[in-house]
PDB file of N, CA and C in Angstrom:
ATOM      1  N   UNK A   1     -40.805 -42.618  63.964  1.00  0.00           N
ATOM      2  CA  UNK A   1     -40.267 -41.519  63.519  1.00  0.00           C
ATOM      3  C   UNK A   1     -39.026 -41.682  64.356  1.00  0.00           C
ATOM      4  N   UNK A   2     -37.856 -41.396  63.678  1.00  0.00           N
ATOM      5  CA  UNK A   2     -36.756 -41.347  64.234  1.00  0.00           C
ATOM      6  C   UNK A   2     -35.751 -39.855  64.164  1.00  0.00           C
ATOM      7  N   UNK A   3     -35.161 -39.478  65.270  1.00  0.00           N
ATOM      8  CA  UNK A   3     -34.334 -38.213  64.631  1.00  0.00           C
ATOM      9  C   UNK A   3     -33.277 -38.268  64.002  1.00  0.00           C
ATOM     10  N   UNK A   4     -32.672 -37.507  63.325  1.00  0.00           N
ATOM     11  CA  UNK A   4     -31.737 -37.601  62.438  1.00  0.00           C
ATOM     12  C   UNK A   4     -30.291 -38.106  63.135  1.00  0.00           C
ATOM     13  N   UNK A   5     -30.285 -37.312  64.510  1.00  0.00           N
ATOM     14  CA  UNK A   5     -28.853 -37.878  65.375  1.00  0.00           C
ATOM     15  C   UNK A   5     -28.640 -39.220  65.435  1.00  0.00           C
ATOM     16  N   UNK A   6     -29.985 -40.171  65.380  1.00  0.00           N
ATOM     17  CA  UNK A   6     -29.909 -41.791  65.654  1.00  0.00           C
ATOM     18  C   UNK A   6     -29.199 -42.598  64.358  1.00  0.00           C
ATOM     19  N   UNK A   7     -29.329 -41.898  63.465  1.00  0.00           N
ATOM     20  CA  UNK A   7     -28.243 -42.393  62.181  1.00  0.00           C
ATOM     21  C   UNK A   7     -28.603 -43.781  61.794  1.00  0.00           C
ATOM     22  N   UNK A   8     -30.148 -44.224  62.176  1.00  0.00           N
ATOM     23  CA  UNK A   8     -30.486 -45.658  62.263  1.00  0.00           C
ATOM     24  C   UNK A   8     -31.086 -46.277  61.058  1.00  0.00           C
ATOM     25  N   UNK A   9     -31.378 -45.341  59.793  1.00  0.00           N
ATOM     26  CA  UNK A   9     -31.276 -46.117  58.698  1.00  0.00           C
ATOM     27  C   UNK A   9     -30.617 -45.291  57.281  1.00  0.00           C
ATOM     28  N   UNK A  10     -30.787 -45.649  56.250  1.00  0.00           N
ATOM     29  CA  UNK A  10     -29.977 -45.213  54.909  1.00  0.00           C
ATOM     30  C   UNK A  10     -31.102 -44.646  54.326  1.00  0.00           C
ATOM     31  N   UNK A  11     -30.549 -44.053  52.860  1.00  0.00           N
ATOM     32  CA  UNK A  11     -31.385 -43.621  51.857  1.00  0.00           C
ATOM     33  C   UNK A  11     -30.498 -43.720  50.368  1.00  0.00           C
ATOM     34  N   UNK A  12     -31.073 -43.536  49.705  1.00  0.00           N
ATOM     35  CA  UNK A  12     -30.298 -43.616  47.953  1.00  0.00           C
ATOM     36  C   UNK A  12     -30.422 -42.569  47.667  1.00  0.00           C
ATOM     37  N   UNK A  13     -29.267 -42.171  46.989  1.00  0.00           N
ATOM     38  CA  UNK A  13     -29.546 -41.142  45.955  1.00  0.00           C
ATOM     39  C   UNK A  13     -28.937 -41.343  44.489  1.00  0.00           C
ATOM     40  N   UNK A  14     -29.121 -40.555  43.672  1.00  0.00           N
ATOM     41  CA  UNK A  14     -28.778 -40.845  42.091  1.00  0.00           C
ATOM     42  C   UNK A  14     -29.299 -39.232  41.611  1.00  0.00           C
ATOM     43  N   UNK A  15     -28.193 -38.731  41.083  1.00  0.00           N
ATOM     44  CA  UNK A  15     -28.190 -37.605  40.315  1.00  0.00           C
ATOM     45  C   UNK A  15     -28.357 -37.623  38.734  1.00  0.00           C
ATOM     46  N   UNK A  16     -28.770 -39.026  38.338  1.00  0.00           N
ATOM     47  CA  UNK A  16     -29.277 -38.820  36.866  1.00  0.00           C
ATOM     48  C   UNK A  16     -30.835 -39.101  37.129  1.00  0.00           C
ATOM     49  N   UNK A  17     -31.842 -38.215  36.297  1.00  0.00           N
ATOM     50  CA  UNK A  17     -33.140 -38.024  36.355  1.00  0.00           C
ATOM     51  C   UNK A  17     -33.581 -39.435  35.544  1.00  0.00           C
ATOM     52  N   UNK A  18     -33.958 -40.002  35.420  1.00  0.00           N
ATOM     53  CA  UNK A  18     -34.149 -42.021  35.098  1.00  0.00           C
ATOM     54  C   UNK A  18     -35.652 -42.070  35.326  1.00  0.00           C
ATOM     55  N   UNK A  19     -36.301 -41.895  34.166  1.00  0.00           N
ATOM     56  CA  UNK A  19     -37.714 -42.429  34.283  1.00  0.00           C
ATOM     57  C   UNK A  19     -37.899 -43.769  35.277  1.00  0.00           C
ATOM     58  N   UNK A  20     -37.396 -44.764  34.749  1.00  0.00           N
ATOM     59  CA  UNK A  20     -37.600 -46.185  35.055  1.00  0.00           C
ATOM     60  C   UNK A  20     -37.060 -46.220  36.731  1.00  0.00           C
ATOM     61  N   UNK A  21     -37.763 -46.323  37.403  1.00  0.00           N
ATOM     62  CA  UNK A  21     -37.818 -47.168  39.118  1.00  0.00           C
ATOM     63  C   UNK A  21     -36.304 -47.763  39.028  1.00  0.00           C
ATOM     64  N   UNK A  22     -36.213 -48.727  38.201  1.00  0.00           N
ATOM     65  CA  UNK A  22     -35.564 -49.811  38.500  1.00  0.00           C
ATOM     66  C   UNK A  22     -33.908 -49.480  37.990  1.00  0.00           C
ATOM     67  N   UNK A  23     -34.082 -48.951  36.984  1.00  0.00           N
ATOM     68  CA  UNK A  23     -33.152 -48.540  36.556  1.00  0.00           C
ATOM     69  C   UNK A  23     -32.458 -47.078  37.497  1.00  0.00           C
ATOM     70  N   UNK A  24     -33.195 -46.343  38.114  1.00  0.00           N
ATOM     71  CA  UNK A  24     -32.407 -45.359  38.874  1.00  0.00           C
ATOM     72  C   UNK A  24     -32.045 -45.948  40.038  1.00  0.00           C
ATOM     73  N   UNK A  25     -32.292 -47.061  40.540  1.00  0.00           N
ATOM     74  CA  UNK A  25     -32.035 -47.707  41.508  1.00  0.00           C
ATOM     75  C   UNK A  25     -30.785 -48.197  41.531  1.00  0.00           C
ATOM     76  N   UNK A  26     -30.716 -48.889  40.077  1.00  0.00           N
ATOM     77  CA  UNK A  26     -29.721 -49.424  39.803  1.00  0.00           C
ATOM     78  C   UNK A  26     -28.436 -48.501  39.848  1.00  0.00           C
ATOM     79  N   UNK A  27     -28.263 -47.306  39.333  1.00  0.00           N
ATOM     80  CA  UNK A  27     -27.731 -46.535  39.475  1.00  0.00           C
ATOM     81  C   UNK A  27     -27.378 -45.221  40.337  1.00  0.00           C
ATOM     82  N   UNK A  28     -28.075 -45.439  41.704  1.00  0.00           N
ATOM     83  CA  UNK A  28     -28.265 -45.254  43.140  1.00  0.00           C
ATOM     84  C   UNK A  28     -27.401 -45.593  43.810  1.00  0.00           C
ATOM     85  N   UNK A  29     -26.716 -44.548  45.070  1.00  0.00           N
ATOM     86  CA  UNK A  29     -25.504 -44.780  45.871  1.00  0.00           C
ATOM     87  C   UNK A  29     -26.271 -44.607  46.980  1.00  0.00           C
ATOM     88  N   UNK A  30     -26.273 -45.888  47.986  1.00  0.00           N
ATOM     89  CA  UNK A  30     -26.491 -45.962  49.373  1.00  0.00           C
ATOM     90  C   UNK A  30     -25.825 -44.771  50.062  1.00  0.00           C
ATOM     91  N   UNK A  31     -26.724 -43.931  50.730  1.00  0.00           N
ATOM     92  CA  UNK A  31     -25.992 -42.970  51.935  1.00  0.00           C
ATOM     93  C   UNK A  31     -26.582 -43.509  53.126  1.00  0.00           C
ATOM     94  N   UNK A  32     -25.196 -43.435  54.161  1.00  0.00           N
ATOM     95  CA  UNK A  32     -25.963 -43.720  55.097  1.00  0.00           C
ATOM     96  C   UNK A  32     -26.652 -42.567  56.415  1.00  0.00           C
ATOM     97  N   UNK A  33     -27.508 -43.071  57.056  1.00  0.00           N
ATOM     98  CA  UNK A  33     -27.907 -42.106  58.607  1.00  0.00           C
ATOM     99  C   UNK A  33     -29.255 -41.215  57.831  1.00  0.00           C
ATOM    100  N   UNK A  34     -29.750 -40.532  58.186  1.00  0.00           N
ATOM    101  CA  UNK A  34     -31.201 -39.730  57.814  1.00  0.00           C
ATOM    102  C   UNK A  34     -30.948 -38.752  56.300  1.00  0.00           C
ATOM    103  N   UNK A  35     -31.937 -38.804  55.348  1.00  0.00           N
ATOM    104  CA  UNK A  35     -31.715 -37.876  54.366  1.00  0.00           C
ATOM    105  C   UNK A  35     -31.973 -36.645  54.675  1.00  0.00           C
ATOM    106  N   UNK A  36     -32.266 -35.966  56.132  1.00  0.00           N
ATOM    107  CA  UNK A  36     -32.642 -34.593  56.190  1.00  0.00           C
ATOM    108  C   UNK A  36     -31.577 -33.820  55.965  1.00  0.00           C
ATOM    109  N   UNK A  37     -30.367 -33.979  56.270  1.00  0.00           N
ATOM    110  CA  UNK A  37     -29.036 -33.106  55.993  1.00  0.00           C
ATOM    111  C   UNK A  37     -28.701 -32.891  54.447  1.00  0.00           C
ATOM    112  N   UNK A  38     -28.923 -33.752  53.851  1.00  0.00           N
ATOM    113  CA  UNK A  38     -28.947 -34.135  52.608  1.00  0.00           C
ATOM    114  C   UNK A  38     -29.933 -33.169  51.933  1.00  0.00           C
ATOM    115  N   UNK A  39     -31.388 -33.480  52.003  1.00  0.00           N
ATOM    116  CA  UNK A  39     -31.801 -32.783  51.652  1.00  0.00           C
ATOM    117  C   UNK A  39     -32.245 -31.002  51.885  1.00  0.00           C
ATOM    118  N   UNK A  40     -31.188 -30.559  53.367  1.00  0.00           N
ATOM    119  CA  UNK A  40     -31.104 -29.300  53.878  1.00  0.00           C
ATOM    120  C   UNK A  40     -29.999 -28.884  53.171  1.00  0.00           C
ATOM    121  N   UNK A  41     -28.903 -29.659  52.749  1.00  0.00           N
ATOM    122  CA  UNK A  41     -27.624 -29.008  51.806  1.00  0.00           C
ATOM    123  C   UNK A  41     -28.414 -28.793  50.586  1.00  0.00           C
ATOM    124  N   UNK A  42     -29.297 -29.500  49.803  1.00  0.00           N
ATOM    125  CA  UNK A  42     -29.820 -29.266  48.937  1.00  0.00           C
ATOM    126  C   UNK A  42     -30.586 -28.114  48.879  1.00  0.00           C
ATOM    127  N   UNK A  43     -31.543 -27.779  49.455  1.00  0.00           N
ATOM    128  CA  UNK A  43     -31.950 -26.726  49.673  1.00  0.00           C
ATOM    129  C   UNK A  43     -31.556 -25.305  49.840  1.00  0.00           C
ATOM    130  N   UNK A  44     -30.093 -25.506  50.511  1.00  0.00           N
ATOM    131  CA  UNK A  44     -29.245 -24.370  50.918  1.00  0.00           C
ATOM    132  C   UNK A  44     -28.929 -23.591  49.529  1.00  0.00           C
ATOM    133  N   UNK A  45     -28.855 -24.425  48.539  1.00  0.00           N
ATOM    134  CA  UNK A  45     -28.322 -24.154  46.854  1.00  0.00           C
ATOM    135  C   UNK A  45     -29.506 -23.233  46.689  1.00  0.00           C
ATOM    136  N   UNK A  46     -30.277 -22.603  46.802  1.00  0.00           N
ATOM    137  CA  UNK A  46     -31.476 -22.172  46.358  1.00  0.00           C
ATOM    138  C   UNK A  46     -31.257 -20.823  46.792  1.00  0.00           C
ATOM    139  N   UNK A  47     -31.522 -19.660  45.784  1.00  0.00           N
ATOM    140  CA  UNK A  47     -31.665 -18.213  46.570  1.00  0.00           C
ATOM    141  C   UNK A  47     -32.524 -18.353  47.267  1.00  0.00           C
ATOM    142  N   UNK A  48     -32.187 -17.141  48.399  1.00  0.00           N
ATOM    143  CA  UNK A  48     -33.626 -16.920  49.002  1.00  0.00           C
ATOM    144  C   UNK A  48     -35.010 -16.626  48.365  1.00  0.00           C
ATOM    145  N   UNK A  49     -34.573 -15.915  47.506  1.00  0.00           N
ATOM    146  CA  UNK A  49     -35.230 -15.126  46.718  1.00  0.00           C
ATOM    147  C   UNK A  49     -37.013 -16.592  45.954  1.00  0.00           C
ATOM    148  N   UNK A  50     -35.764 -17.744  45.744  1.00  0.00           N
ATOM    149  CA  UNK A  50     -36.924 -18.188  45.264  1.00  0.00           C
ATOM    150  C   UNK A  50     -37.855 -19.017  46.142  1.00  0.00           C
ATOM    151  N   UNK A  51     -37.409 -18.515  47.423  1.00  0.00           N
ATOM    152  CA  UNK A  51     -38.544 -19.260  48.877  1.00  0.00           C
ATOM    153  C   UNK A  51     -39.785 -18.884  48.337  1.00  0.00           C
ATOM    154  N   UNK A  52     -40.973 -19.586  48.486  1.00  0.00           N
ATOM    155  CA  UNK A  52     -42.051 -19.524  48.814  1.00  0.00           C
ATOM    156  C   UNK A  52     -42.328 -19.581  49.933  1.00  0.00           C
ATOM    157  N   UNK A  53     -43.821 -18.496  50.616  1.00  0.00           N
ATOM    158  CA  UNK A  53     -43.779 -18.075  51.756  1.00  0.00           C
ATOM    159  C   UNK A  53     -45.179 -19.234  52.054  1.00  0.00           C
ATOM    160  N   UNK A  54     -44.675 -19.861  53.013  1.00  0.00           N
ATOM    161  CA  UNK A  54     -45.900 -20.760  53.334  1.00  0.00           C
ATOM    162  C   UNK A  54     -47.499 -20.595  53.493  1.00  0.00           C
ATOM    163  N   UNK A  55     -47.832 -21.528  53.058  1.00  0.00           N
ATOM    164  CA  UNK A  55     -49.527 -20.845  52.915  1.00  0.00           C
ATOM    165  C   UNK A  55     -49.924 -21.312  54.181  1.00  0.00           C
ATOM    166  N   UNK A  56     -51.020 -20.385  54.595  1.00  0.00           N
ATOM    167  CA  UNK A  56     -51.765 -19.948  55.817  1.00  0.00           C
ATOM    168  C   UNK A  56     -52.640 -21.324  55.816  1.00  0.00           C
ATOM    169  N   UNK A  57     -52.464 -22.159  56.844  1.00  0.00           N
ATOM    170  CA  UNK A  57     -54.205 -23.630  56.714  1.00  0.00           C
ATOM    171  C   UNK A  57     -55.079 -22.783  57.430  1.00  0.00           C
ATOM    172  N   UNK A  58     -56.039 -24.066  56.975  1.00  0.00           N
ATOM    173  CA  UNK A  58     -57.175 -22.811  57.408  1.00  0.00           C
ATOM    174  C   UNK A  58     -58.148 -21.994  56.280  1.00  0.00           C
ATOM    175  N   UNK A  59     -59.208 -21.870  56.692  1.00  0.00           N
ATOM    176  CA  UNK A  59     -60.309 -20.907  56.127  1.00  0.00           C
ATOM    177  C   UNK A  59     -61.322 -20.721  56.379  1.00  0.00           C
ATOM    178  N   UNK A  60     -61.875 -20.157  56.046  1.00  0.00           N
ATOM    179  CA  UNK A  60     -63.185 -19.646  56.904  1.00  0.00           C
ATOM    180  C   UNK A  60     -64.167 -20.893  56.717  1.00  0.00           C
ATOM    181  N   UNK A  61     -64.247 -21.466  55.947  1.00  0.00           N
ATOM    182  CA  UNK A  61     -65.029 -23.175  55.116  1.00  0.00           C
ATOM    183  C   UNK A  61     -64.515 -24.131  55.955  1.00  0.00           C
ATOM    184  N   UNK A  62     -63.376 -24.042  56.001  1.00  0.00           N
ATOM    185  CA  UNK A  62     -62.249 -25.192  57.045  1.00  0.00           C
ATOM    186  C   UNK A  62     -61.618 -24.749  57.659  1.00  0.00           C
ATOM    187  N   UNK A  63     -62.050 -24.414  58.921  1.00  0.00           N
ATOM    188  CA  UNK A  63     -61.334 -23.921  60.075  1.00  0.00           C
ATOM    189  C   UNK A  63     -60.130 -24.952  60.395  1.00  0.00           C
ATOM    190  N   UNK A  64     -58.856 -24.321  60.927  1.00  0.00           N
ATOM    191  CA  UNK A  64     -57.849 -25.413  61.648  1.00  0.00           C
ATOM    192  C   UNK A  64     -58.561 -25.794  62.837  1.00  0.00           C
ATOM    193  N   UNK A  65     -58.534 -27.052  63.157  1.00  0.00           N
ATOM    194  CA  UNK A  65     -59.073 -27.657  64.099  1.00  0.00           C
ATOM    195  C   UNK A  65     -58.409 -27.640  65.432  1.00  0.00           C
ATOM    196  N   UNK A  66     -57.007 -28.000  65.215  1.00  0.00           N
ATOM    197  CA  UNK A  66     -56.049 -27.769  66.436  1.00  0.00           C
ATOM    198  C   UNK A  66     -54.771 -27.618  65.620  1.00  0.00           C
ATOM    199  N   UNK A  67     -53.823 -27.245  66.639  1.00  0.00           N
ATOM    200  CA  UNK A  67     -52.403 -26.545  65.881  1.00  0.00           C
ATOM    201  C   UNK A  67     -51.530 -28.202  65.910  1.00  0.00           C
ATOM    202  N   UNK A  68     -50.765 -28.151  64.738  1.00  0.00           N
ATOM    203  CA  UNK A  68     -50.231 -29.501  64.183  1.00  0.00           C
ATOM    204  C   UNK A  68     -48.914 -29.986  65.003  1.00  0.00           C
ATOM    205  N   UNK A  69     -48.543 -30.903  65.510  1.00  0.00           N
ATOM    206  CA  UNK A  69     -49.123 -32.283  64.469  1.00  0.00           C
ATOM    207  C   UNK A  69     -50.814 -32.889  64.768  1.00  0.00           C
ATOM    208  N   UNK A  70     -51.453 -32.205  65.895  1.00  0.00           N
ATOM    209  CA  UNK A  70     -53.118 -32.532  66.391  1.00  0.00           C
ATOM    210  C   UNK A  70     -52.970 -33.842  67.379  1.00  0.00           C
ATOM    211  N   UNK A  71     -53.921 -33.560  68.018  1.00  0.00           N
ATOM    212  CA  UNK A  71     -54.208 -34.722  69.454  1.00  0.00           C
ATOM    213  C   UNK A  71     -53.830 -36.082  68.870  1.00  0.00           C
ATOM    214  N   UNK A  72     -54.275 -36.331  67.611  1.00  0.00           N
ATOM    215  CA  UNK A  72     -54.474 -37.847  67.741  1.00  0.00           C
ATOM    216  C   UNK A  72     -52.879 -38.553  67.385  1.00  0.00           C
ATOM    217  N   UNK A  73     -52.022 -37.590  67.207  1.00  0.00           N
ATOM    218  CA  UNK A  73     -50.410 -37.962  67.183  1.00  0.00           C
ATOM    219  C   UNK A  73     -50.362 -38.442  68.967  1.00  0.00           C
ATOM    220  N   UNK A  74     -50.745 -38.038  69.759  1.00  0.00           N
ATOM    221  CA  UNK A  74     -50.277 -38.473  70.514  1.00  0.00           C
ATOM    222  C   UNK A  74     -51.162 -39.321  71.791  1.00  0.00           C
ATOM    223  N   UNK A  75     -52.195 -39.760  71.226  1.00  0.00           N
ATOM    224  CA  UNK A  75     -53.006 -40.955  71.606  1.00  0.00           C
ATOM    225  C   UNK A  75     -52.479 -42.321  71.577  1.00  0.00           C
ATOM    226  N   UNK A  76     -52.864 -42.829  72.427  1.00  0.00           N
ATOM    227  CA  UNK A  76     -51.802 -44.489  72.639  1.00  0.00           C
ATOM    228  C   UNK A  76     -53.280 -45.549  72.308  1.00  0.00           C
ATOM    229  N   UNK A  77     -52.844 -46.543  71.761  1.00  0.00           N
ATOM    230  CA  UNK A  77     -53.529 -47.488  71.558  1.00  0.00           C
ATOM    231  C   UNK A  77     -53.713 -48.271  72.679  1.00  0.00           C
ATOM    232  N   UNK A  78     -55.207 -49.103  72.956  1.00  0.00           N
ATOM    233  CA  UNK A  78     -56.229 -48.882  72.335  1.00  0.00           C
ATOM    234  C   UNK A  78     -57.037 -47.189  72.534  1.00  0.00           C
ATOM    235  N   UNK A  79     -57.530 -46.877  70.973  1.00  0.00           N
ATOM    236  CA  UNK A  79     -58.064 -45.502  71.239  1.00  0.00           C
ATOM    237  C   UNK A  79     -59.778 -46.036  71.682  1.00  0.00           C
ATOM    238  N   UNK A  80     -60.066 -45.293  72.759  1.00  0.00           N
ATOM    239  CA  UNK A  80     -61.385 -45.309  73.211  1.00  0.00           C
ATOM    240  C   UNK A  80     -62.154 -44.801  72.391  1.00  0.00           C
ATOM    241  N   UNK A  81     -63.082 -45.128  72.003  1.00  0.00           N
ATOM    242  CA  UNK A  81     -64.218 -44.366  70.708  1.00  0.00           C
ATOM    243  C   UNK A  81     -65.571 -44.414  71.550  1.00  0.00           C
ATOM    244  N   UNK A  82     -66.306 -43.157  71.508  1.00  0.00           N
ATOM    245  CA  UNK A  82     -67.424 -43.063  72.478  1.00  0.00           C
ATOM    246  C   UNK A  82     -68.682 -43.559  71.330  1.00  0.00           C
ATOM    247  N   UNK A  83     -69.381 -44.097  71.830  1.00  0.00           N
ATOM    248  CA  UNK A  83     -70.405 -44.324  71.272  1.00  0.00           C
ATOM    249  C   UNK A  83     -71.354 -43.359  70.218  1.00  0.00           C
ATOM    250  N   UNK A  84     -70.986 -42.123  71.106  1.00  0.00           N
ATOM    251  CA  UNK A  84     -71.790 -40.865  70.018  1.00  0.00           C
ATOM    252  C   UNK A  84     -71.064 -40.580  68.825  1.00  0.00           C
ATOM    253  N   UNK A  85     -70.284 -41.339  68.717  1.00  0.00           N
ATOM    254  CA  UNK A  85     -69.286 -41.141  67.468  1.00  0.00           C
ATOM    255  C   UNK A  85     -69.684 -42.433  66.678  1.00  0.00           C
ATOM    256  N   UNK A  86     -70.512 -43.221  67.107  1.00  0.00           N
ATOM    257  CA  UNK A  86     -70.428 -44.332  65.819  1.00  0.00           C
ATOM    258  C   UNK A  86     -72.406 -44.509  65.545  1.00  0.00           C
ATOM    259  N   UNK A  87     -71.967 -44.529  64.381  1.00  0.00           N
ATOM    260  CA  UNK A  87     -73.388 -44.278  63.423  1.00  0.00           C
ATOM    261  C   UNK A  87     -74.411 -45.042  63.837  1.00  0.00           C
ATOM    262  N   UNK A  88     -75.770 -45.436  64.417  1.00  0.00           N
ATOM    263  CA  UNK A  88     -76.418 -46.346  64.707  1.00  0.00           C
ATOM    264  C   UNK A  88     -77.292 -47.055  63.247  1.00  0.00           C
ATOM    265  N   UNK A  89     -77.067 -47.889  62.866  1.00  0.00           N
ATOM    266  CA  UNK A  89     -77.839 -48.914  62.083  1.00  0.00           C
ATOM    267  C   UNK A  89     -78.659 -49.810  62.412  1.00  0.00           C
ATOM    268  N   UNK A  90     -79.662 -49.115  61.764  1.00  0.00           N
ATOM    269  CA  UNK A  90     -80.827 -49.980  61.657  1.00  0.00           C
ATOM    270  C   UNK A  90     -81.235 -51.294  61.140  1.00  0.00           C
ATOM    271  N   UNK A  91     -81.718 -52.209  61.798  1.00  0.00           N
ATOM    272  CA  UNK A  91     -82.172 -53.615  60.991  1.00  0.00           C
ATOM    273  C   UNK A  91     -82.895 -53.313  59.777  1.00  0.00           C
ATOM    274  N   UNK A  92     -82.617 -53.877  58.803  1.00  0.00           N
ATOM    275  CA  UNK A  92     -83.553 -53.996  57.485  1.00  0.00           C
ATOM    276  C   UNK A  92     -84.579 -55.093  58.016  1.00  0.00           C
ATOM    277  N   UNK A  93     -85.905 -54.557  57.619  1.00  0.00           N
ATOM    278  CA  UNK A  93     -87.296 -55.697  58.031  1.00  0.00           C
ATOM    279  C   UNK A  93     -87.144 -56.457  56.838  1.00  0.00           C
TER     280      UNK A  93
END
């Protein structure tokens, strides 16, 4: 993942709502940099009253295990797997 300030990649925009992806791309314009600024400007055009409160993560049945983005994001490969997590397979007789 690259920070938007790196301006490393580009994205495509098209104001027309076209069902066919090939037709949409043919009429699209390539924009340089990150799409985050474009998306943020689009969001700013909406009334604050239209904003929806974010839902609460987790429930009694499915509790949150850890804060986002999660510990797995910080793991480096190769990941050591505990034998306790690998199910034992019995040989067929």
